[in-house]
Amino acid sequence: MKQHETDAGARPGTTTEESAQLKALKKENAEPKRANDILKAEASFFTAELDRPHTRS
């Protein structure tokens, strides 16, 4: 690996191209991860709602 191909902000031994690919994959993964976190929170909320006693009017 040539010195000019090394990305200063990346892990040692990672080329600029590899760093860019990794960054793109992280960005691609961020949206589904956020959606999954929201769904988990909603599931937790609805489970708690189902478990609590309800009164009828």
PDB file of N, CA and C in Angstrom:
ATOM      1  N   MET A   1       0.847  -1.158   0.000  1.00  0.00           N
ATOM      2  CA  MET A   1       0.000   0.000   0.000  1.00  0.00           C
ATOM      3  C   MET A   1       0.900   1.231   0.000  1.00  0.00           C
ATOM      4  N   LYS A   2       0.541   2.185  -0.808  1.00  0.00           N
ATOM      5  CA  LYS A   2       1.311   3.411  -0.914  1.00  0.00           C
ATOM      6  C   LYS A   2       0.837   4.411   0.132  1.00  0.00           C
ATOM      7  N   GLN A   3       1.735   5.258   0.576  1.00  0.00           N
ATOM      8  CA  GLN A   3       1.417   6.231   1.613  1.00  0.00           C
ATOM      9  C   GLN A   3       0.238   7.121   1.221  1.00  0.00           C
ATOM     10  N   HIS A   4       0.168   7.565  -0.031  1.00  0.00           N
ATOM     11  CA  HIS A   4      -0.905   8.469  -0.445  1.00  0.00           C
ATOM     12  C   HIS A   4      -2.270   7.778  -0.515  1.00  0.00           C
ATOM     13  N   GLU A   5      -2.307   6.445  -0.450  1.00  0.00           N
ATOM     14  CA  GLU A   5      -3.570   5.716  -0.466  1.00  0.00           C
ATOM     15  C   GLU A   5      -4.135   5.499   0.939  1.00  0.00           C
ATOM     16  N   THR A   6      -3.343   5.811   1.944  1.00  0.00           N
ATOM     17  CA  THR A   6      -3.777   5.592   3.314  1.00  0.00           C
ATOM     18  C   THR A   6      -4.633   6.759   3.787  1.00  0.00           C
ATOM     19  N   ASP A   7      -5.769   6.436   4.371  1.00  0.00           N
ATOM     20  CA  ASP A   7      -6.675   7.449   4.892  1.00  0.00           C
ATOM     21  C   ASP A   7      -6.261   7.752   6.331  1.00  0.00           C
ATOM     22  N   ALA A   8      -5.916   8.988   6.601  1.00  0.00           N
ATOM     23  CA  ALA A   8      -5.443   9.373   7.924  1.00  0.00           C
ATOM     24  C   ALA A   8      -6.519   9.193   8.997  1.00  0.00           C
ATOM     25  N   GLY A   9      -7.777   9.306   8.625  1.00  0.00           N
ATOM     26  CA  GLY A   9      -8.852   9.200   9.600  1.00  0.00           C
ATOM     27  C   GLY A   9      -9.363   7.793   9.805  1.00  0.00           C
ATOM     28  N   ALA A  10      -8.838   6.847   9.097  1.00  0.00           N
ATOM     29  CA  ALA A  10      -9.335   5.472   9.167  1.00  0.00           C
ATOM     30  C   ALA A  10      -8.429   4.618  10.040  1.00  0.00           C
ATOM     31  N   ARG A  11      -8.825   3.378  10.183  1.00  0.00           N
ATOM     32  CA  ARG A  11      -7.992   2.445  10.919  1.00  0.00           C
ATOM     33  C   ARG A  11      -6.690   2.250  10.165  1.00  0.00           C
ATOM     34  N   PRO A  12      -5.595   2.023  10.875  1.00  0.00           N
ATOM     35  CA  PRO A  12      -4.310   1.793  10.194  1.00  0.00           C
ATOM     36  C   PRO A  12      -4.414   0.641   9.201  1.00  0.00           C
ATOM     37  N   GLY A  13      -3.867   0.836   8.033  1.00  0.00           N
ATOM     38  CA  GLY A  13      -3.880  -0.191   7.000  1.00  0.00           C
ATOM     39  C   GLY A  13      -5.098  -0.134   6.104  1.00  0.00           C
ATOM     40  N   THR A  14      -5.988   0.806   6.317  1.00  0.00           N
ATOM     41  CA  THR A  14      -7.185   0.943   5.496  1.00  0.00           C
ATOM     42  C   THR A  14      -6.931   1.977   4.410  1.00  0.00           C
ATOM     43  N   THR A  15      -7.240   1.622   3.187  1.00  0.00           N
ATOM     44  CA  THR A  15      -7.046   2.573   2.090  1.00  0.00           C
ATOM     45  C   THR A  15      -8.213   3.549   2.060  1.00  0.00           C
ATOM     46  N   THR A  16      -8.045   4.629   1.352  1.00  0.00           N
ATOM     47  CA  THR A  16      -9.086   5.636   1.218  1.00  0.00           C
ATOM     48  C   THR A  16     -10.349   5.020   0.613  1.00  0.00           C
ATOM     49  N   GLU A  17     -10.167   4.172  -0.389  1.00  0.00           N
ATOM     50  CA  GLU A  17     -11.318   3.512  -1.033  1.00  0.00           C
ATOM     51  C   GLU A  17     -12.061   2.618  -0.041  1.00  0.00           C
ATOM     52  N   GLU A  18     -11.312   1.837   0.732  1.00  0.00           N
ATOM     53  CA  GLU A  18     -11.938   0.967   1.729  1.00  0.00           C
ATOM     54  C   GLU A  18     -12.675   1.789   2.786  1.00  0.00           C
ATOM     55  N   SER A  19     -12.069   2.888   3.177  1.00  0.00           N
ATOM     56  CA  SER A  19     -12.685   3.769   4.160  1.00  0.00           C
ATOM     57  C   SER A  19     -13.992   4.350   3.621  1.00  0.00           C
ATOM     58  N   ALA A  20     -14.002   4.743   2.362  1.00  0.00           N
ATOM     59  CA  ALA A  20     -15.205   5.289   1.730  1.00  0.00           C
ATOM     60  C   ALA A  20     -16.295   4.220   1.648  1.00  0.00           C
ATOM     61  N   GLN A  21     -15.910   2.993   1.335  1.00  0.00           N
ATOM     62  CA  GLN A  21     -16.885   1.897   1.270  1.00  0.00           C
ATOM     63  C   GLN A  21     -17.481   1.626   2.651  1.00  0.00           C
ATOM     64  N   LEU A  22     -16.633   1.629   3.659  1.00  0.00           N
ATOM     65  CA  LEU A  22     -17.091   1.393   5.021  1.00  0.00           C
ATOM     66  C   LEU A  22     -18.048   2.502   5.462  1.00  0.00           C
ATOM     67  N   LYS A  23     -17.710   3.732   5.142  1.00  0.00           N
ATOM     68  CA  LYS A  23     -18.564   4.865   5.489  1.00  0.00           C
ATOM     69  C   LYS A  23     -19.927   4.743   4.796  1.00  0.00           C
ATOM     70  N   ALA A  24     -19.928   4.346   3.534  1.00  0.00           N
ATOM     71  CA  ALA A  24     -21.176   4.178   2.787  1.00  0.00           C
ATOM     72  C   ALA A  24     -22.027   3.067   3.394  1.00  0.00           C
ATOM     73  N   LEU A  25     -21.400   1.968   3.801  1.00  0.00           N
ATOM     74  CA  LEU A  25     -22.137   0.865   4.412  1.00  0.00           C
ATOM     75  C   LEU A  25     -22.733   1.275   5.759  1.00  0.00           C
ATOM     76  N   LYS A  26     -21.977   2.038   6.540  1.00  0.00           N
ATOM     77  CA  LYS A  26     -22.488   2.503   7.829  1.00  0.00           C
ATOM     78  C   LYS A  26     -23.695   3.417   7.622  1.00  0.00           C
ATOM     79  N   LYS A  27     -23.597   4.285   6.622  1.00  0.00           N
ATOM     80  CA  LYS A  27     -24.702   5.198   6.328  1.00  0.00           C
ATOM     81  C   LYS A  27     -25.922   4.406   5.871  1.00  0.00           C
ATOM     82  N   GLU A  28     -25.696   3.412   5.026  1.00  0.00           N
ATOM     83  CA  GLU A  28     -26.775   2.564   4.509  1.00  0.00           C
ATOM     84  C   GLU A  28     -27.449   1.792   5.641  1.00  0.00           C
ATOM     85  N   ASN A  29     -26.675   1.398   6.632  1.00  0.00           N
ATOM     86  CA  ASN A  29     -27.178   0.617   7.760  1.00  0.00           C
ATOM     87  C   ASN A  29     -27.874   1.492   8.801  1.00  0.00           C
ATOM     88  N   ALA A  30     -27.577   2.775   8.840  1.00  0.00           N
ATOM     89  CA  ALA A  30     -28.101   3.656   9.886  1.00  0.00           C
ATOM     90  C   ALA A  30     -29.621   3.783   9.835  1.00  0.00           C
ATOM     91  N   GLU A  31     -30.194   3.925   8.653  1.00  0.00           N
ATOM     92  CA  GLU A  31     -31.647   4.116   8.543  1.00  0.00           C
ATOM     93  C   GLU A  31     -32.425   2.878   8.999  1.00  0.00           C
ATOM     94  N   PRO A  32     -32.083   1.675   8.524  1.00  0.00           N
ATOM     95  CA  PRO A  32     -32.816   0.500   9.027  1.00  0.00           C
ATOM     96  C   PRO A  32     -32.621   0.295  10.533  1.00  0.00           C
ATOM     97  N   LYS A  33     -31.426   0.615  11.034  1.00  0.00           N
ATOM     98  CA  LYS A  33     -31.175   0.471  12.468  1.00  0.00           C
ATOM     99  C   LYS A  33     -32.068   1.432  13.250  1.00  0.00           C
ATOM    100  N   ARG A  34     -32.202   2.650  12.784  1.00  0.00           N
ATOM    101  CA  ARG A  34     -33.046   3.634  13.454  1.00  0.00           C
ATOM    102  C   ARG A  34     -34.513   3.179  13.415  1.00  0.00           C
ATOM    103  N   ALA A  35     -34.950   2.686  12.271  1.00  0.00           N
ATOM    104  CA  ALA A  35     -36.321   2.191  12.149  1.00  0.00           C
ATOM    105  C   ALA A  35     -36.550   1.023  13.100  1.00  0.00           C
ATOM    106  N   ASN A  36     -35.588   0.144  13.220  1.00  0.00           N
ATOM    107  CA  ASN A  36     -35.690  -0.999  14.120  1.00  0.00           C
ATOM    108  C   ASN A  36     -35.785  -0.538  15.573  1.00  0.00           C
ATOM    109  N   ASP A  37     -34.989   0.477  15.940  1.00  0.00           N
ATOM    110  CA  ASP A  37     -35.036   1.014  17.298  1.00  0.00           C
ATOM    111  C   ASP A  37     -36.413   1.612  17.598  1.00  0.00           C
ATOM    112  N   ILE A  38     -36.992   2.296  16.631  1.00  0.00           N
ATOM    113  CA  ILE A  38     -38.328   2.880  16.805  1.00  0.00           C
ATOM    114  C   ILE A  38     -39.366   1.770  16.984  1.00  0.00           C
ATOM    115  N   LEU A  39     -39.281   0.728  16.172  1.00  0.00           N
ATOM    116  CA  LEU A  39     -40.226  -0.388  16.281  1.00  0.00           C
ATOM    117  C   LEU A  39     -40.108  -1.093  17.629  1.00  0.00           C
ATOM    118  N   LYS A  40     -38.900  -1.241  18.126  1.00  0.00           N
ATOM    119  CA  LYS A  40     -38.696  -1.859  19.438  1.00  0.00           C
ATOM    120  C   LYS A  40     -39.352  -1.011  20.528  1.00  0.00           C
ATOM    121  N   ALA A  41     -39.180   0.309  20.442  1.00  0.00           N
ATOM    122  CA  ALA A  41     -39.777   1.209  21.431  1.00  0.00           C
ATOM    123  C   ALA A  41     -41.299   1.134  21.372  1.00  0.00           C
ATOM    124  N   GLU A  42     -41.849   1.099  20.168  1.00  0.00           N
ATOM    125  CA  GLU A  42     -43.305   0.992  20.016  1.00  0.00           C
ATOM    126  C   GLU A  42     -43.809  -0.336  20.573  1.00  0.00           C
ATOM    127  N   ALA A  43     -43.113  -1.398  20.293  1.00  0.00           N
ATOM    128  CA  ALA A  43     -43.523  -2.714  20.792  1.00  0.00           C
ATOM    129  C   ALA A  43     -43.509  -2.728  22.316  1.00  0.00           C
ATOM    130  N   SER A  44     -42.497  -2.124  22.900  1.00  0.00           N
ATOM    131  CA  SER A  44     -42.402  -2.051  24.350  1.00  0.00           C
ATOM    132  C   SER A  44     -43.563  -1.255  24.927  1.00  0.00           C
ATOM    133  N   PHE A  45     -43.876  -0.123  24.302  1.00  0.00           N
ATOM    134  CA  PHE A  45     -44.993   0.718  24.749  1.00  0.00           C
ATOM    135  C   PHE A  45     -46.312  -0.049  24.683  1.00  0.00           C
ATOM    136  N   PHE A  46     -46.589  -0.685  23.553  1.00  0.00           N
ATOM    137  CA  PHE A  46     -47.859  -1.391  23.402  1.00  0.00           C
ATOM    138  C   PHE A  46     -47.945  -2.611  24.317  1.00  0.00           C
ATOM    139  N   THR A  47     -46.842  -3.266  24.564  1.00  0.00           N
ATOM    140  CA  THR A  47     -46.836  -4.386  25.501  1.00  0.00           C
ATOM    141  C   THR A  47     -47.193  -3.891  26.895  1.00  0.00           C
ATOM    142  N   ALA A  48     -46.618  -2.754  27.294  1.00  0.00           N
ATOM    143  CA  ALA A  48     -46.923  -2.178  28.603  1.00  0.00           C
ATOM    144  C   ALA A  48     -48.401  -1.775  28.678  1.00  0.00           C
ATOM    145  N   GLU A  49     -48.927  -1.231  27.599  1.00  0.00           N
ATOM    146  CA  GLU A  49     -50.337  -0.841  27.570  1.00  0.00           C
ATOM    147  C   GLU A  49     -51.254  -2.063  27.705  1.00  0.00           C
ATOM    148  N   LEU A  50     -50.882  -3.147  27.071  1.00  0.00           N
ATOM    149  CA  LEU A  50     -51.700  -4.360  27.150  1.00  0.00           C
ATOM    150  C   LEU A  50     -51.629  -5.001  28.531  1.00  0.00           C
ATOM    151  N   ASP A  51     -50.492  -4.842  29.193  1.00  0.00           N
ATOM    152  CA  ASP A  51     -50.292  -5.465  30.502  1.00  0.00           C
ATOM    153  C   ASP A  51     -50.947  -4.685  31.642  1.00  0.00           C
ATOM    154  N   ARG A  52     -51.207  -3.415  31.455  1.00  0.00           N
ATOM    155  CA  ARG A  52     -51.775  -2.625  32.571  1.00  0.00           C
ATOM    156  C   ARG A  52     -53.283  -2.826  32.615  1.00  0.00           C
ATOM    157  N   PRO A  53     -53.832  -2.750  33.812  1.00  0.00           N
ATOM    158  CA  PRO A  53     -55.289  -2.914  33.938  1.00  0.00           C
ATOM    159  C   PRO A  53     -56.028  -1.725  33.306  1.00  0.00           C
ATOM    160  N   HIS A  54     -57.085  -2.028  32.614  1.00  0.00           N
ATOM    161  CA  HIS A  54     -57.897  -1.002  31.972  1.00  0.00           C
ATOM    162  C   HIS A  54     -59.269  -0.965  32.640  1.00  0.00           C
ATOM    163  N   THR A  55     -59.812   0.233  32.732  1.00  0.00           N
ATOM    164  CA  THR A  55     -61.168   0.371  33.271  1.00  0.00           C
ATOM    165  C   THR A  55     -62.094   0.779  32.144  1.00  0.00           C
ATOM    166  N   ARG A  56     -63.307   0.296  32.202  1.00  0.00           N
ATOM    167  CA  ARG A  56     -64.288   0.663  31.169  1.00  0.00           C
ATOM    168  C   ARG A  56     -65.150   1.797  31.687  1.00  0.00           C
ATOM    169  N   SER A  57     -65.522   2.686  30.795  1.00  0.00           N
ATOM    170  CA  SER A  57     -66.358   3.814  31.190  1.00  0.00           C
ATOM    171  C   SER A  57     -67.817   3.472  31.064  1.00  0.00           C
TER     172      SER A  57
END
